[in-house]
């Protein structure tokens, strides 16, 4: 991996943007000069789900279902990508929110194995 990264740097012009995603790497791979900016991508919070609901379905303001989702998020970890996937499966906002609730309930029953 180190040779690959160093090869990227030597084969490009003056301007470079690389995106790497990982759960963990050797510190030698992520030292300053190799990886200059680290962005932590966390699991979804209720605020994140509300933002996604607004972006994908124009849902603004309070909805009672958000309280249910917030309660489920205390026991289930889910990535924004998975929530987005559920929102994209329906054009109806209420159906989409219901899909998110059902997904979170199923995750809780399964034992909270995270899905990226």
C-alpha atoms as a PDB file:
ATOM      1  CA  UNK A   1       0.000   0.000   0.000  1.00  0.00           C
ATOM      2  CA  UNK A   2       2.809   2.405   0.855  1.00  0.00           C
ATOM      3  CA  UNK A   3       4.433   1.912  -2.559  1.00  0.00           C
ATOM      4  CA  UNK A   4       1.062   2.444  -4.231  1.00  0.00           C
ATOM      5  CA  UNK A   5       0.466   5.731  -2.406  1.00  0.00           C
ATOM      6  CA  UNK A   6       3.977   6.982  -3.097  1.00  0.00           C
ATOM      7  CA  UNK A   7       3.506   6.027  -6.752  1.00  0.00           C
ATOM      8  CA  UNK A   8       0.357   8.143  -6.930  1.00  0.00           C
ATOM      9  CA  UNK A   9       2.256  11.167  -5.662  1.00  0.00           C
ATOM     10  CA  UNK A  10       5.106  10.749  -8.118  1.00  0.00           C
ATOM     11  CA  UNK A  11       2.940  10.161 -11.192  1.00  0.00           C
ATOM     12  CA  UNK A  12       0.684  13.209 -10.912  1.00  0.00           C
ATOM     13  CA  UNK A  13       1.110  16.889 -11.703  1.00  0.00           C
ATOM     14  CA  UNK A  14       1.135  19.656  -9.121  1.00  0.00           C
ATOM     15  CA  UNK A  15      -2.498  19.374  -8.030  1.00  0.00           C
ATOM     16  CA  UNK A  16      -3.756  16.173  -6.448  1.00  0.00           C
ATOM     17  CA  UNK A  17      -6.834  15.138  -4.553  1.00  0.00           C
ATOM     18  CA  UNK A  18      -7.136  11.538  -3.433  1.00  0.00           C
ATOM     19  CA  UNK A  19      -9.912  10.034  -1.392  1.00  0.00           C
ATOM     20  CA  UNK A  20      -9.202   6.981   0.735  1.00  0.00           C
ATOM     21  CA  UNK A  21     -11.731   5.271   2.962  1.00  0.00           C
ATOM     22  CA  UNK A  22     -10.765   2.827   5.656  1.00  0.00           C
ATOM     23  CA  UNK A  23     -11.588   1.490   9.077  1.00  0.00           C
ATOM     24  CA  UNK A  24      -7.949   1.687  10.106  1.00  0.00           C
ATOM     25  CA  UNK A  25      -4.480   1.906   8.640  1.00  0.00           C
ATOM     26  CA  UNK A  26      -0.919   1.686   9.826  1.00  0.00           C
ATOM     27  CA  UNK A  27       0.214   5.125  11.078  1.00  0.00           C
ATOM     28  CA  UNK A  28       2.998   5.146   8.456  1.00  0.00           C
ATOM     29  CA  UNK A  29       0.338   5.290   5.748  1.00  0.00           C
ATOM     30  CA  UNK A  30      -1.574   8.217   7.199  1.00  0.00           C
ATOM     31  CA  UNK A  31       1.269  10.436   8.366  1.00  0.00           C
ATOM     32  CA  UNK A  32       1.296  14.135   7.375  1.00  0.00           C
ATOM     33  CA  UNK A  33       2.548  14.463   3.829  1.00  0.00           C
ATOM     34  CA  UNK A  34       0.746  11.329   2.743  1.00  0.00           C
ATOM     35  CA  UNK A  35      -2.693  11.969   4.165  1.00  0.00           C
ATOM     36  CA  UNK A  36      -3.023  15.637   5.059  1.00  0.00           C
ATOM     37  CA  UNK A  37      -6.710  15.770   5.893  1.00  0.00           C
ATOM     38  CA  UNK A  38      -8.646  13.206   7.887  1.00  0.00           C
ATOM     39  CA  UNK A  39     -12.445  13.389   7.955  1.00  0.00           C
ATOM     40  CA  UNK A  40     -14.298  11.163  10.396  1.00  0.00           C
ATOM     41  CA  UNK A  41     -17.586   9.885   8.957  1.00  0.00           C
ATOM     42  CA  UNK A  42     -19.812   8.881  11.837  1.00  0.00           C
ATOM     43  CA  UNK A  43     -22.998   6.893  12.096  1.00  0.00           C
ATOM     44  CA  UNK A  44     -26.296   8.694  11.588  1.00  0.00           C
ATOM     45  CA  UNK A  45     -27.848  10.823  14.286  1.00  0.00           C
ATOM     46  CA  UNK A  46     -31.433  12.027  14.301  1.00  0.00           C
ATOM     47  CA  UNK A  47     -30.189  15.372  12.963  1.00  0.00           C
ATOM     48  CA  UNK A  48     -28.514  13.564  10.069  1.00  0.00           C
ATOM     49  CA  UNK A  49     -31.676  11.627   9.279  1.00  0.00           C
ATOM     50  CA  UNK A  50     -33.733  14.832   9.342  1.00  0.00           C
ATOM     51  CA  UNK A  51     -31.258  16.434   6.940  1.00  0.00           C
ATOM     52  CA  UNK A  52     -31.459  13.448   4.594  1.00  0.00           C
ATOM     53  CA  UNK A  53     -35.268  13.491   4.838  1.00  0.00           C
ATOM     54  CA  UNK A  54     -35.229  17.150   3.874  1.00  0.00           C
ATOM     55  CA  UNK A  55     -32.798  16.611   1.004  1.00  0.00           C
ATOM     56  CA  UNK A  56     -34.493  13.570  -0.522  1.00  0.00           C
ATOM     57  CA  UNK A  57     -38.163  14.188   0.276  1.00  0.00           C
ATOM     58  CA  UNK A  58     -38.563  17.850   1.206  1.00  0.00           C
ATOM     59  CA  UNK A  59     -39.584  16.871   4.745  1.00  0.00           C
ATOM     60  CA  UNK A  60     -39.285  19.874   7.061  1.00  0.00           C
ATOM     61  CA  UNK A  61     -40.330  20.414  10.634  1.00  0.00           C
ATOM     62  CA  UNK A  62     -41.301  17.939  13.318  1.00  0.00           C
ATOM     63  CA  UNK A  63     -42.938  14.617  12.568  1.00  0.00           C
ATOM     64  CA  UNK A  64     -43.858  12.107  15.288  1.00  0.00           C
ATOM     65  CA  UNK A  65     -41.958   9.377  13.414  1.00  0.00           C
ATOM     66  CA  UNK A  66     -38.710  11.225  14.151  1.00  0.00           C
ATOM     67  CA  UNK A  67     -39.194  10.485  17.863  1.00  0.00           C
ATOM     68  CA  UNK A  68     -39.489   6.785  17.066  1.00  0.00           C
ATOM     69  CA  UNK A  69     -36.385   6.921  14.868  1.00  0.00           C
ATOM     70  CA  UNK A  70     -34.451   8.777  17.573  1.00  0.00           C
ATOM     71  CA  UNK A  71     -35.351   6.074  20.088  1.00  0.00           C
ATOM     72  CA  UNK A  72     -34.215   3.334  17.713  1.00  0.00           C
ATOM     73  CA  UNK A  73     -30.913   5.117  17.052  1.00  0.00           C
ATOM     74  CA  UNK A  74     -30.039   4.722  20.735  1.00  0.00           C
ATOM     75  CA  UNK A  75     -29.706   0.986  20.093  1.00  0.00           C
ATOM     76  CA  UNK A  76     -28.812   0.763  16.405  1.00  0.00           C
ATOM     77  CA  UNK A  77     -25.910   2.154  14.410  1.00  0.00           C
ATOM     78  CA  UNK A  78     -26.582   2.986  10.783  1.00  0.00           C
ATOM     79  CA  UNK A  79     -24.592   4.880   8.180  1.00  0.00           C
ATOM     80  CA  UNK A  80     -25.962   7.820   6.192  1.00  0.00           C
ATOM     81  CA  UNK A  81     -25.490   5.736   3.030  1.00  0.00           C
ATOM     82  CA  UNK A  82     -27.930   3.093   4.276  1.00  0.00           C
ATOM     83  CA  UNK A  83     -30.518   5.693   5.283  1.00  0.00           C
ATOM     84  CA  UNK A  84     -30.152   7.315   1.864  1.00  0.00           C
ATOM     85  CA  UNK A  85     -30.684   3.935   0.220  1.00  0.00           C
ATOM     86  CA  UNK A  86     -33.935   3.483   2.136  1.00  0.00           C
ATOM     87  CA  UNK A  87     -35.099   7.014   1.246  1.00  0.00           C
ATOM     88  CA  UNK A  88     -34.433   6.397  -2.439  1.00  0.00           C
ATOM     89  CA  UNK A  89     -36.654   3.308  -2.557  1.00  0.00           C
ATOM     90  CA  UNK A  90     -39.840   5.372  -2.419  1.00  0.00           C
ATOM     91  CA  UNK A  91     -40.947   8.736  -3.735  1.00  0.00           C
ATOM     92  CA  UNK A  92     -43.596   8.993  -1.018  1.00  0.00           C
ATOM     93  CA  UNK A  93     -42.127  10.727   2.068  1.00  0.00           C
ATOM     94  CA  UNK A  94     -44.268   8.793   4.556  1.00  0.00           C
ATOM     95  CA  UNK A  95     -43.423   5.457   2.959  1.00  0.00           C
ATOM     96  CA  UNK A  96     -39.728   6.380   2.922  1.00  0.00           C
ATOM     97  CA  UNK A  97     -39.740   7.286   6.620  1.00  0.00           C
ATOM     98  CA  UNK A  98     -41.590   4.045   7.338  1.00  0.00           C
ATOM     99  CA  UNK A  99     -38.891   2.139   5.472  1.00  0.00           C
ATOM    100  CA  UNK A 100     -36.234   3.753   7.670  1.00  0.00           C
ATOM    101  CA  UNK A 101     -38.168   2.793  10.812  1.00  0.00           C
ATOM    102  CA  UNK A 102     -38.591  -0.799   9.603  1.00  0.00           C
ATOM    103  CA  UNK A 103     -34.926  -1.036   8.671  1.00  0.00           C
ATOM    104  CA  UNK A 104     -33.853   0.178  12.131  1.00  0.00           C
ATOM    105  CA  UNK A 105     -36.263  -2.238  13.856  1.00  0.00           C
ATOM    106  CA  UNK A 106     -34.911  -5.142  11.796  1.00  0.00           C
ATOM    107  CA  UNK A 107     -31.341  -4.145  12.655  1.00  0.00           C
ATOM    108  CA  UNK A 108     -32.210  -4.151  16.331  1.00  0.00           C
ATOM    109  CA  UNK A 109     -33.688  -7.656  16.069  1.00  0.00           C
ATOM    110  CA  UNK A 110     -30.621  -8.878  14.138  1.00  0.00           C
ATOM    111  CA  UNK A 111     -28.334  -7.767  16.931  1.00  0.00           C
ATOM    112  CA  UNK A 112     -27.169  -4.418  15.541  1.00  0.00           C
ATOM    113  CA  UNK A 113     -24.637  -5.625  13.008  1.00  0.00           C
ATOM    114  CA  UNK A 114     -23.722  -2.401  11.245  1.00  0.00           C
ATOM    115  CA  UNK A 115     -24.225  -2.144   7.525  1.00  0.00           C
ATOM    116  CA  UNK A 116     -22.069   0.320   5.621  1.00  0.00           C
END
